[in-house]
């Protein structure tokens, strides 16, 4: 696996992160006999291989760099893309809220450039499985290359298809849907999720959230939560600590929900109302 966070020293084949002046950074694989060219000079791969991670190294012009292992966040930001990608600030919250972990089977629809796919594959690990659907072949090819570069493609199954046709998978642990009109596919998503399974979608506007909320209630999803995450960094100077000049503000609204199995027992009506679900009894009243 080229992206290996368990080593103490740089090895041939590893993905390396070089960080230079003004935090200019580069990610590339270490190849024996290779060279890496920057605007501040050339570095020999052979001189980097074998060094402890965290070492300070220098180009042939004497420019300083630090040699590090790239983080998941570094890799996601660095991905080649043809679409808008998911940002680390949203991905981390999604993974924890949906309890994505080793050995799980997770579905994604709307692969795009593969940033979320990378994070899901990393989270489920070699014993897990990620199935990702995309309707555009050119997007899927780029996403596959991004996963292959990191050695994470082995646990990912790429599928081409129209989401309207539904999915063959059943009883998956979690489903992340990244499309502009998620409300059109909630029946298909429900059919693939296991009872009690986790759902998440990201959309950028209020009206999209409103339509999705109605669709979730219609097909028996509950425990619905809507949120957005705003990220603000601070200057790490002890004598003049203050916010940086820029912040990562709105990237989208996250909508989370769980698949439930409601009953017709009237004793459950109050709880159904509390969790924002439409009870079977209420549906019958509406139809009448």
C-alpha atoms as a PDB file:
ATOM      1  CA  UNK A   1       0.000   0.000   0.000  1.00  0.00           C
ATOM      2  CA  UNK A   2       1.683   3.277  -1.086  1.00  0.00           C
ATOM      3  CA  UNK A   3       0.004   5.320   1.654  1.00  0.00           C
ATOM      4  CA  UNK A   4       1.360   3.721   4.805  1.00  0.00           C
ATOM      5  CA  UNK A   5       1.063   5.516   8.142  1.00  0.00           C
ATOM      6  CA  UNK A   6       2.599   2.739  10.257  1.00  0.00           C
ATOM      7  CA  UNK A   7       6.291   3.264   9.376  1.00  0.00           C
ATOM      8  CA  UNK A   8       8.897   5.463  11.060  1.00  0.00           C
ATOM      9  CA  UNK A   9      11.173   5.966   8.031  1.00  0.00           C
ATOM     10  CA  UNK A  10      10.502   6.796   4.385  1.00  0.00           C
ATOM     11  CA  UNK A  11      10.588   3.730   2.160  1.00  0.00           C
ATOM     12  CA  UNK A  12      10.623   3.180  -1.586  1.00  0.00           C
ATOM     13  CA  UNK A  13       7.059   3.304  -2.908  1.00  0.00           C
ATOM     14  CA  UNK A  14       5.727   5.420  -0.043  1.00  0.00           C
ATOM     15  CA  UNK A  15       3.688   8.551  -0.685  1.00  0.00           C
ATOM     16  CA  UNK A  16       5.660  11.478   0.714  1.00  0.00           C
ATOM     17  CA  UNK A  17       4.598  14.994   1.662  1.00  0.00           C
ATOM     18  CA  UNK A  18       7.150  17.778   1.217  1.00  0.00           C
ATOM     19  CA  UNK A  19       6.316  21.033   2.997  1.00  0.00           C
ATOM     20  CA  UNK A  20       8.398  24.095   2.141  1.00  0.00           C
ATOM     21  CA  UNK A  21       8.384  27.834   2.686  1.00  0.00           C
ATOM     22  CA  UNK A  22       4.960  29.492   2.966  1.00  0.00           C
ATOM     23  CA  UNK A  23       3.549  25.983   3.522  1.00  0.00           C
ATOM     24  CA  UNK A  24       3.898  25.129  -0.154  1.00  0.00           C
ATOM     25  CA  UNK A  25       3.468  21.380  -0.244  1.00  0.00           C
ATOM     26  CA  UNK A  26       3.832  18.504  -2.686  1.00  0.00           C
ATOM     27  CA  UNK A  27       2.698  14.862  -2.537  1.00  0.00           C
ATOM     28  CA  UNK A  28       4.477  12.228  -4.650  1.00  0.00           C
ATOM     29  CA  UNK A  29       5.610   8.570  -4.497  1.00  0.00           C
ATOM     30  CA  UNK A  30       9.228   7.836  -3.602  1.00  0.00           C
ATOM     31  CA  UNK A  31      10.938   6.028  -6.478  1.00  0.00           C
ATOM     32  CA  UNK A  32      14.570   4.815  -6.334  1.00  0.00           C
ATOM     33  CA  UNK A  33      16.661   6.864  -8.764  1.00  0.00           C
ATOM     34  CA  UNK A  34      13.920   9.479  -9.152  1.00  0.00           C
ATOM     35  CA  UNK A  35      14.066  13.233  -8.722  1.00  0.00           C
ATOM     36  CA  UNK A  36      11.427  15.748  -7.690  1.00  0.00           C
ATOM     37  CA  UNK A  37      11.527  19.205  -9.250  1.00  0.00           C
ATOM     38  CA  UNK A  38      10.183  22.257  -7.418  1.00  0.00           C
ATOM     39  CA  UNK A  39      10.398  26.000  -8.044  1.00  0.00           C
ATOM     40  CA  UNK A  40      12.981  26.034  -5.237  1.00  0.00           C
ATOM     41  CA  UNK A  41      15.218  23.307  -6.595  1.00  0.00           C
ATOM     42  CA  UNK A  42      15.508  19.559  -7.115  1.00  0.00           C
ATOM     43  CA  UNK A  43      15.435  16.797  -4.509  1.00  0.00           C
ATOM     44  CA  UNK A  44      16.763  13.289  -5.063  1.00  0.00           C
ATOM     45  CA  UNK A  45      14.423  10.475  -4.029  1.00  0.00           C
ATOM     46  CA  UNK A  46      17.417   8.372  -2.994  1.00  0.00           C
ATOM     47  CA  UNK A  47      18.376  11.031  -0.442  1.00  0.00           C
ATOM     48  CA  UNK A  48      14.847  10.984   0.978  1.00  0.00           C
ATOM     49  CA  UNK A  49      14.403   7.204   1.155  1.00  0.00           C
ATOM     50  CA  UNK A  50      15.549   5.938   4.546  1.00  0.00           C
ATOM     51  CA  UNK A  51      15.168   9.235   6.391  1.00  0.00           C
ATOM     52  CA  UNK A  52      12.922   9.407   9.472  1.00  0.00           C
ATOM     53  CA  UNK A  53       9.567  11.028   8.811  1.00  0.00           C
ATOM     54  CA  UNK A  54       9.649  14.605  10.064  1.00  0.00           C
ATOM     55  CA  UNK A  55      13.223  15.167   8.841  1.00  0.00           C
ATOM     56  CA  UNK A  56      14.258  18.503   7.399  1.00  0.00           C
ATOM     57  CA  UNK A  57      15.693  18.118   3.906  1.00  0.00           C
ATOM     58  CA  UNK A  58      17.087  20.541   1.334  1.00  0.00           C
ATOM     59  CA  UNK A  59      16.928  20.952  -2.432  1.00  0.00           C
ATOM     60  CA  UNK A  60      20.054  21.262  -4.574  1.00  0.00           C
ATOM     61  CA  UNK A  61      19.636  25.045  -4.191  1.00  0.00           C
ATOM     62  CA  UNK A  62      19.561  24.787  -0.401  1.00  0.00           C
ATOM     63  CA  UNK A  63      15.809  25.449  -0.034  1.00  0.00           C
ATOM     64  CA  UNK A  64      14.426  23.834   3.168  1.00  0.00           C
ATOM     65  CA  UNK A  65      11.589  21.307   3.295  1.00  0.00           C
ATOM     66  CA  UNK A  66      10.140  18.905   5.831  1.00  0.00           C
ATOM     67  CA  UNK A  67       9.575  15.279   4.816  1.00  0.00           C
ATOM     68  CA  UNK A  68       6.287  13.964   6.230  1.00  0.00           C
ATOM     69  CA  UNK A  69       3.644  11.321   5.701  1.00  0.00           C
ATOM     70  CA  UNK A  70       0.538  12.892   4.142  1.00  0.00           C
ATOM     71  CA  UNK A  71      -2.606  12.857   6.264  1.00  0.00           C
ATOM     72  CA  UNK A  72      -5.986  11.787   4.952  1.00  0.00           C
ATOM     73  CA  UNK A  73      -6.933  15.464   4.842  1.00  0.00           C
ATOM     74  CA  UNK A  74      -3.818  16.269   2.773  1.00  0.00           C
ATOM     75  CA  UNK A  75      -4.674  13.539   0.282  1.00  0.00           C
ATOM     76  CA  UNK A  76      -8.309  14.579  -0.078  1.00  0.00           C
ATOM     77  CA  UNK A  77      -7.420  18.202  -0.787  1.00  0.00           C
ATOM     78  CA  UNK A  78      -4.735  17.056  -3.253  1.00  0.00           C
ATOM     79  CA  UNK A  79      -7.007  14.733  -5.261  1.00  0.00           C
ATOM     80  CA  UNK A  80      -7.300  15.271  -8.970  1.00  0.00           C
ATOM     81  CA  UNK A  81     -10.840  16.396  -9.570  1.00  0.00           C
ATOM     82  CA  UNK A  82     -13.368  17.075 -12.278  1.00  0.00           C
ATOM     83  CA  UNK A  83     -16.178  17.784  -9.796  1.00  0.00           C
ATOM     84  CA  UNK A  84     -16.580  19.591  -6.487  1.00  0.00           C
ATOM     85  CA  UNK A  85     -15.137  17.367  -3.760  1.00  0.00           C
ATOM     86  CA  UNK A  86     -16.232  16.686  -0.200  1.00  0.00           C
ATOM     87  CA  UNK A  87     -14.182  18.645   2.337  1.00  0.00           C
ATOM     88  CA  UNK A  88     -12.436  17.057   5.341  1.00  0.00           C
ATOM     89  CA  UNK A  89     -14.475  19.130   7.805  1.00  0.00           C
ATOM     90  CA  UNK A  90     -17.668  17.471   6.559  1.00  0.00           C
ATOM     91  CA  UNK A  91     -16.201  14.012   5.936  1.00  0.00           C
ATOM     92  CA  UNK A  92     -14.930  13.537   9.484  1.00  0.00           C
ATOM     93  CA  UNK A  93     -18.314  14.380  10.995  1.00  0.00           C
ATOM     94  CA  UNK A  94     -20.102  12.119   8.523  1.00  0.00           C
ATOM     95  CA  UNK A  95     -17.889   9.134   9.325  1.00  0.00           C
ATOM     96  CA  UNK A  96     -18.424   9.449  13.073  1.00  0.00           C
ATOM     97  CA  UNK A  97     -22.145  10.243  12.920  1.00  0.00           C
ATOM     98  CA  UNK A  98     -22.768   7.255  10.625  1.00  0.00           C
ATOM     99  CA  UNK A  99     -20.418   5.067  12.703  1.00  0.00           C
ATOM    100  CA  UNK A 100     -18.409   3.964   9.670  1.00  0.00           C
ATOM    101  CA  UNK A 101     -15.723   1.499  10.736  1.00  0.00           C
ATOM    102  CA  UNK A 102     -13.718  -1.635   9.889  1.00  0.00           C
ATOM    103  CA  UNK A 103     -15.532  -4.523   8.263  1.00  0.00           C
ATOM    104  CA  UNK A 104     -18.697  -2.647   7.332  1.00  0.00           C
ATOM    105  CA  UNK A 105     -20.429  -2.563   3.968  1.00  0.00           C
ATOM    106  CA  UNK A 106     -21.178   0.995   2.897  1.00  0.00           C
ATOM    107  CA  UNK A 107     -22.842   2.356  -0.214  1.00  0.00           C
ATOM    108  CA  UNK A 108     -22.290   5.655  -1.970  1.00  0.00           C
ATOM    109  CA  UNK A 109     -24.171   7.076  -4.932  1.00  0.00           C
ATOM    110  CA  UNK A 110     -22.618   9.935  -6.831  1.00  0.00           C
ATOM    111  CA  UNK A 111     -18.933   8.941  -6.869  1.00  0.00           C
ATOM    112  CA  UNK A 112     -17.730  12.183  -8.456  1.00  0.00           C
ATOM    113  CA  UNK A 113     -13.956  12.517  -8.154  1.00  0.00           C
ATOM    114  CA  UNK A 114     -13.856  10.004  -5.308  1.00  0.00           C
ATOM    115  CA  UNK A 115     -12.984  12.064  -2.219  1.00  0.00           C
ATOM    116  CA  UNK A 116     -15.740  10.534  -0.091  1.00  0.00           C
ATOM    117  CA  UNK A 117     -14.976   7.139  -1.587  1.00  0.00           C
ATOM    118  CA  UNK A 118     -11.374   7.461  -0.394  1.00  0.00           C
ATOM    119  CA  UNK A 119     -12.494   8.301   3.143  1.00  0.00           C
ATOM    120  CA  UNK A 120     -15.048   5.472   3.229  1.00  0.00           C
ATOM    121  CA  UNK A 121     -12.514   2.933   1.946  1.00  0.00           C
ATOM    122  CA  UNK A 122      -9.974   4.042   4.536  1.00  0.00           C
ATOM    123  CA  UNK A 123     -12.579   3.781   7.319  1.00  0.00           C
ATOM    124  CA  UNK A 124     -13.941   0.304   6.465  1.00  0.00           C
ATOM    125  CA  UNK A 125     -10.434  -1.081   5.929  1.00  0.00           C
ATOM    126  CA  UNK A 126      -9.383  -4.241   4.070  1.00  0.00           C
ATOM    127  CA  UNK A 127     -12.126  -6.317   5.720  1.00  0.00           C
ATOM    128  CA  UNK A 128     -14.878  -3.911   4.663  1.00  0.00           C
ATOM    129  CA  UNK A 129     -16.527  -3.055   1.377  1.00  0.00           C
ATOM    130  CA  UNK A 130     -17.552   0.164  -0.353  1.00  0.00           C
ATOM    131  CA  UNK A 131     -19.960   0.046  -3.297  1.00  0.00           C
ATOM    132  CA  UNK A 132     -20.087   3.322  -5.196  1.00  0.00           C
ATOM    133  CA  UNK A 133     -22.450   4.181  -8.046  1.00  0.00           C
ATOM    134  CA  UNK A 134     -21.825   6.815 -10.705  1.00  0.00           C
ATOM    135  CA  UNK A 135     -23.733   7.466 -13.919  1.00  0.00           C
ATOM    136  CA  UNK A 136     -20.906   9.232 -15.782  1.00  0.00           C
ATOM    137  CA  UNK A 137     -18.063   6.994 -16.914  1.00  0.00           C
ATOM    138  CA  UNK A 138     -15.469   9.791 -17.085  1.00  0.00           C
ATOM    139  CA  UNK A 139     -16.040  10.623 -13.406  1.00  0.00           C
ATOM    140  CA  UNK A 140     -15.783   6.979 -12.435  1.00  0.00           C
ATOM    141  CA  UNK A 141     -12.470   6.551 -14.284  1.00  0.00           C
ATOM    142  CA  UNK A 142     -10.933   9.506 -12.448  1.00  0.00           C
ATOM    143  CA  UNK A 143     -12.223   8.283  -9.085  1.00  0.00           C
ATOM    144  CA  UNK A 144     -10.796   4.818  -9.738  1.00  0.00           C
ATOM    145  CA  UNK A 145      -7.376   6.329 -10.511  1.00  0.00           C
ATOM    146  CA  UNK A 146      -7.489   8.358  -7.291  1.00  0.00           C
ATOM    147  CA  UNK A 147      -8.260   5.217  -5.267  1.00  0.00           C
ATOM    148  CA  UNK A 148      -5.590   3.172  -7.064  1.00  0.00           C
ATOM    149  CA  UNK A 149      -2.967   5.826  -6.349  1.00  0.00           C
ATOM    150  CA  UNK A 150      -3.573   5.356  -2.628  1.00  0.00           C
ATOM    151  CA  UNK A 151      -3.897   1.576  -2.733  1.00  0.00           C
ATOM    152  CA  UNK A 152      -7.503   1.792  -1.489  1.00  0.00           C
ATOM    153  CA  UNK A 153      -9.232   0.422  -4.591  1.00  0.00           C
ATOM    154  CA  UNK A 154      -9.141  -3.210  -3.405  1.00  0.00           C
ATOM    155  CA  UNK A 155     -12.117  -2.808  -1.082  1.00  0.00           C
ATOM    156  CA  UNK A 156     -14.133  -0.629  -3.497  1.00  0.00           C
ATOM    157  CA  UNK A 157     -16.601  -1.861  -6.100  1.00  0.00           C
ATOM    158  CA  UNK A 158     -17.279   0.711  -8.821  1.00  0.00           C
ATOM    159  CA  UNK A 159     -20.638   0.535 -10.592  1.00  0.00           C
ATOM    160  CA  UNK A 160     -22.055   2.513 -13.503  1.00  0.00           C
ATOM    161  CA  UNK A 161     -25.783   3.064 -13.614  1.00  0.00           C
ATOM    162  CA  UNK A 162     -28.815   5.299 -13.290  1.00  0.00           C
ATOM    163  CA  UNK A 163     -29.955   5.607  -9.693  1.00  0.00           C
ATOM    164  CA  UNK A 164     -33.575   5.519 -10.822  1.00  0.00           C
ATOM    165  CA  UNK A 165     -33.124   1.828 -11.599  1.00  0.00           C
ATOM    166  CA  UNK A 166     -32.309   1.126  -7.964  1.00  0.00           C
ATOM    167  CA  UNK A 167     -29.559  -0.959  -6.428  1.00  0.00           C
ATOM    168  CA  UNK A 168     -29.061  -4.708  -6.221  1.00  0.00           C
ATOM    169  CA  UNK A 169     -27.422  -4.527  -2.776  1.00  0.00           C
ATOM    170  CA  UNK A 170     -29.417  -5.212   0.389  1.00  0.00           C
ATOM    171  CA  UNK A 171     -28.831  -4.787   4.114  1.00  0.00           C
ATOM    172  CA  UNK A 172     -25.865  -2.425   3.834  1.00  0.00           C
ATOM    173  CA  UNK A 173     -24.777  -0.696   7.030  1.00  0.00           C
ATOM    174  CA  UNK A 174     -24.802   2.889   5.757  1.00  0.00           C
ATOM    175  CA  UNK A 175     -25.625   4.869   2.631  1.00  0.00           C
ATOM    176  CA  UNK A 176     -24.126   8.207   1.595  1.00  0.00           C
ATOM    177  CA  UNK A 177     -26.035   9.910  -1.223  1.00  0.00           C
ATOM    178  CA  UNK A 178     -24.315  12.794  -3.027  1.00  0.00           C
ATOM    179  CA  UNK A 179     -26.691  13.980  -5.730  1.00  0.00           C
ATOM    180  CA  UNK A 180     -28.564  17.225  -6.311  1.00  0.00           C
ATOM    181  CA  UNK A 181     -32.040  15.643  -6.153  1.00  0.00           C
ATOM    182  CA  UNK A 182     -31.833  13.027  -3.375  1.00  0.00           C
ATOM    183  CA  UNK A 183     -35.595  13.052  -2.765  1.00  0.00           C
ATOM    184  CA  UNK A 184     -36.098  11.176  -6.062  1.00  0.00           C
ATOM    185  CA  UNK A 185     -34.153   8.142  -4.821  1.00  0.00           C
ATOM    186  CA  UNK A 186     -35.184   7.613  -1.213  1.00  0.00           C
ATOM    187  CA  UNK A 187     -37.215   4.487  -1.930  1.00  0.00           C
ATOM    188  CA  UNK A 188     -34.199   2.951  -3.676  1.00  0.00           C
ATOM    189  CA  UNK A 189     -31.921   3.929  -0.788  1.00  0.00           C
ATOM    190  CA  UNK A 190     -34.304   2.450   1.782  1.00  0.00           C
ATOM    191  CA  UNK A 191     -34.448  -0.837  -0.114  1.00  0.00           C
ATOM    192  CA  UNK A 192     -30.667  -1.176   0.117  1.00  0.00           C
ATOM    193  CA  UNK A 193     -30.234  -0.179   3.767  1.00  0.00           C
ATOM    194  CA  UNK A 194     -30.527  -2.670   6.595  1.00  0.00           C
ATOM    195  CA  UNK A 195     -33.219  -1.968   9.222  1.00  0.00           C
ATOM    196  CA  UNK A 196     -31.891   0.807  11.437  1.00  0.00           C
ATOM    197  CA  UNK A 197     -29.184   1.651   8.898  1.00  0.00           C
ATOM    198  CA  UNK A 198     -27.589   5.084   8.602  1.00  0.00           C
ATOM    199  CA  UNK A 199     -28.284   7.596   5.815  1.00  0.00           C
ATOM    200  CA  UNK A 200     -26.564  10.875   4.976  1.00  0.00           C
ATOM    201  CA  UNK A 201     -26.788  13.415   2.184  1.00  0.00           C
ATOM    202  CA  UNK A 202     -25.120  16.760   1.528  1.00  0.00           C
ATOM    203  CA  UNK A 203     -26.910  19.504  -0.404  1.00  0.00           C
ATOM    204  CA  UNK A 204     -26.048  23.223  -0.621  1.00  0.00           C
ATOM    205  CA  UNK A 205     -29.448  24.967  -0.417  1.00  0.00           C
ATOM    206  CA  UNK A 206     -32.468  25.294   1.898  1.00  0.00           C
ATOM    207  CA  UNK A 207     -35.023  24.254  -0.707  1.00  0.00           C
ATOM    208  CA  UNK A 208     -33.153  21.009  -1.389  1.00  0.00           C
ATOM    209  CA  UNK A 209     -33.175  20.183   2.312  1.00  0.00           C
ATOM    210  CA  UNK A 210     -36.912  20.880   2.529  1.00  0.00           C
ATOM    211  CA  UNK A 211     -37.728  18.504  -0.317  1.00  0.00           C
ATOM    212  CA  UNK A 212     -35.475  15.823   1.140  1.00  0.00           C
ATOM    213  CA  UNK A 213     -37.135  16.070   4.564  1.00  0.00           C
ATOM    214  CA  UNK A 214     -40.537  15.395   3.031  1.00  0.00           C
ATOM    215  CA  UNK A 215     -39.200  12.410   1.098  1.00  0.00           C
ATOM    216  CA  UNK A 216     -37.517  10.931   4.177  1.00  0.00           C
ATOM    217  CA  UNK A 217     -40.742  11.043   6.160  1.00  0.00           C
ATOM    218  CA  UNK A 218     -42.715   9.444   3.328  1.00  0.00           C
ATOM    219  CA  UNK A 219     -40.526   6.339   3.221  1.00  0.00           C
ATOM    220  CA  UNK A 220     -40.057   5.738   6.954  1.00  0.00           C
ATOM    221  CA  UNK A 221     -36.821   7.439   7.893  1.00  0.00           C
ATOM    222  CA  UNK A 222     -36.584   9.112  11.278  1.00  0.00           C
ATOM    223  CA  UNK A 223     -34.127  10.519  13.837  1.00  0.00           C
ATOM    224  CA  UNK A 224     -33.508  13.185  11.219  1.00  0.00           C
ATOM    225  CA  UNK A 225     -30.855  15.806  11.853  1.00  0.00           C
ATOM    226  CA  UNK A 226     -29.882  18.792   9.689  1.00  0.00           C
ATOM    227  CA  UNK A 227     -26.679  20.723  10.307  1.00  0.00           C
ATOM    228  CA  UNK A 228     -23.843  22.657   8.714  1.00  0.00           C
ATOM    229  CA  UNK A 229     -20.231  22.809   9.838  1.00  0.00           C
ATOM    230  CA  UNK A 230     -18.172  26.008   9.901  1.00  0.00           C
ATOM    231  CA  UNK A 231     -14.416  25.725  10.364  1.00  0.00           C
ATOM    232  CA  UNK A 232     -12.277  28.596  11.622  1.00  0.00           C
ATOM    233  CA  UNK A 233      -8.532  28.337  12.199  1.00  0.00           C
ATOM    234  CA  UNK A 234      -6.499  30.448  14.608  1.00  0.00           C
ATOM    235  CA  UNK A 235      -2.979  31.769  14.257  1.00  0.00           C
ATOM    236  CA  UNK A 236      -0.838  29.498  16.485  1.00  0.00           C
ATOM    237  CA  UNK A 237       1.084  32.338  18.139  1.00  0.00           C
ATOM    238  CA  UNK A 238       0.904  32.306  21.940  1.00  0.00           C
ATOM    239  CA  UNK A 239       1.459  36.064  22.295  1.00  0.00           C
ATOM    240  CA  UNK A 240      -1.092  37.122  19.646  1.00  0.00           C
ATOM    241  CA  UNK A 241      -3.621  34.336  19.278  1.00  0.00           C
ATOM    242  CA  UNK A 242      -6.435  35.360  16.953  1.00  0.00           C
ATOM    243  CA  UNK A 243      -8.487  33.942  14.076  1.00  0.00           C
ATOM    244  CA  UNK A 244      -6.845  33.633  10.682  1.00  0.00           C
ATOM    245  CA  UNK A 245      -8.062  35.965   7.959  1.00  0.00           C
ATOM    246  CA  UNK A 246     -10.064  33.257   6.207  1.00  0.00           C
ATOM    247  CA  UNK A 247     -12.400  30.496   7.325  1.00  0.00           C
ATOM    248  CA  UNK A 248     -14.072  27.509   5.692  1.00  0.00           C
ATOM    249  CA  UNK A 249     -17.709  28.474   5.950  1.00  0.00           C
ATOM    250  CA  UNK A 250     -20.768  26.960   4.253  1.00  0.00           C
ATOM    251  CA  UNK A 251     -20.052  24.013   1.980  1.00  0.00           C
ATOM    252  CA  UNK A 252     -23.414  22.331   2.354  1.00  0.00           C
ATOM    253  CA  UNK A 253     -26.171  21.106   4.668  1.00  0.00           C
ATOM    254  CA  UNK A 254     -25.729  17.617   6.069  1.00  0.00           C
ATOM    255  CA  UNK A 255     -28.921  15.619   6.490  1.00  0.00           C
ATOM    256  CA  UNK A 256     -28.729  12.450   8.598  1.00  0.00           C
ATOM    257  CA  UNK A 257     -31.469   9.868   9.163  1.00  0.00           C
ATOM    258  CA  UNK A 258     -32.072   6.241  10.181  1.00  0.00           C
ATOM    259  CA  UNK A 259     -34.274   3.643   8.530  1.00  0.00           C
ATOM    260  CA  UNK A 260     -37.044   2.632  10.946  1.00  0.00           C
ATOM    261  CA  UNK A 261     -39.706  -0.067  10.945  1.00  0.00           C
ATOM    262  CA  UNK A 262     -42.916   1.573  12.255  1.00  0.00           C
ATOM    263  CA  UNK A 263     -45.872  -0.382  13.567  1.00  0.00           C
ATOM    264  CA  UNK A 264     -49.612   0.260  13.563  1.00  0.00           C
ATOM    265  CA  UNK A 265     -49.780   0.179  17.345  1.00  0.00           C
ATOM    266  CA  UNK A 266     -51.364   3.429  18.557  1.00  0.00           C
ATOM    267  CA  UNK A 267     -49.136   3.407  21.642  1.00  0.00           C
ATOM    268  CA  UNK A 268     -46.198   4.409  19.442  1.00  0.00           C
ATOM    269  CA  UNK A 269     -47.774   7.533  17.949  1.00  0.00           C
ATOM    270  CA  UNK A 270     -46.291   9.999  20.454  1.00  0.00           C
ATOM    271  CA  UNK A 271     -42.762   8.668  19.963  1.00  0.00           C
ATOM    272  CA  UNK A 272     -43.181   8.732  16.187  1.00  0.00           C
ATOM    273  CA  UNK A 273     -44.082  12.409  16.408  1.00  0.00           C
ATOM    274  CA  UNK A 274     -41.087  13.117  18.638  1.00  0.00           C
ATOM    275  CA  UNK A 275     -38.597  11.584  16.210  1.00  0.00           C
ATOM    276  CA  UNK A 276     -40.083  13.386  13.214  1.00  0.00           C
ATOM    277  CA  UNK A 277     -41.582  10.342  11.516  1.00  0.00           C
ATOM    278  CA  UNK A 278     -44.923   9.759   9.828  1.00  0.00           C
ATOM    279  CA  UNK A 279     -46.720   6.936  11.613  1.00  0.00           C
ATOM    280  CA  UNK A 280     -48.613   4.238   9.734  1.00  0.00           C
ATOM    281  CA  UNK A 281     -51.787   5.405  11.471  1.00  0.00           C
ATOM    282  CA  UNK A 282     -51.215   9.005  10.358  1.00  0.00           C
ATOM    283  CA  UNK A 283     -50.695   7.874   6.768  1.00  0.00           C
ATOM    284  CA  UNK A 284     -53.996   6.009   6.838  1.00  0.00           C
ATOM    285  CA  UNK A 285     -55.743   9.083   8.240  1.00  0.00           C
ATOM    286  CA  UNK A 286     -54.305  11.204   5.427  1.00  0.00           C
ATOM    287  CA  UNK A 287     -55.380   8.720   2.765  1.00  0.00           C
ATOM    288  CA  UNK A 288     -58.901   8.630   4.218  1.00  0.00           C
END
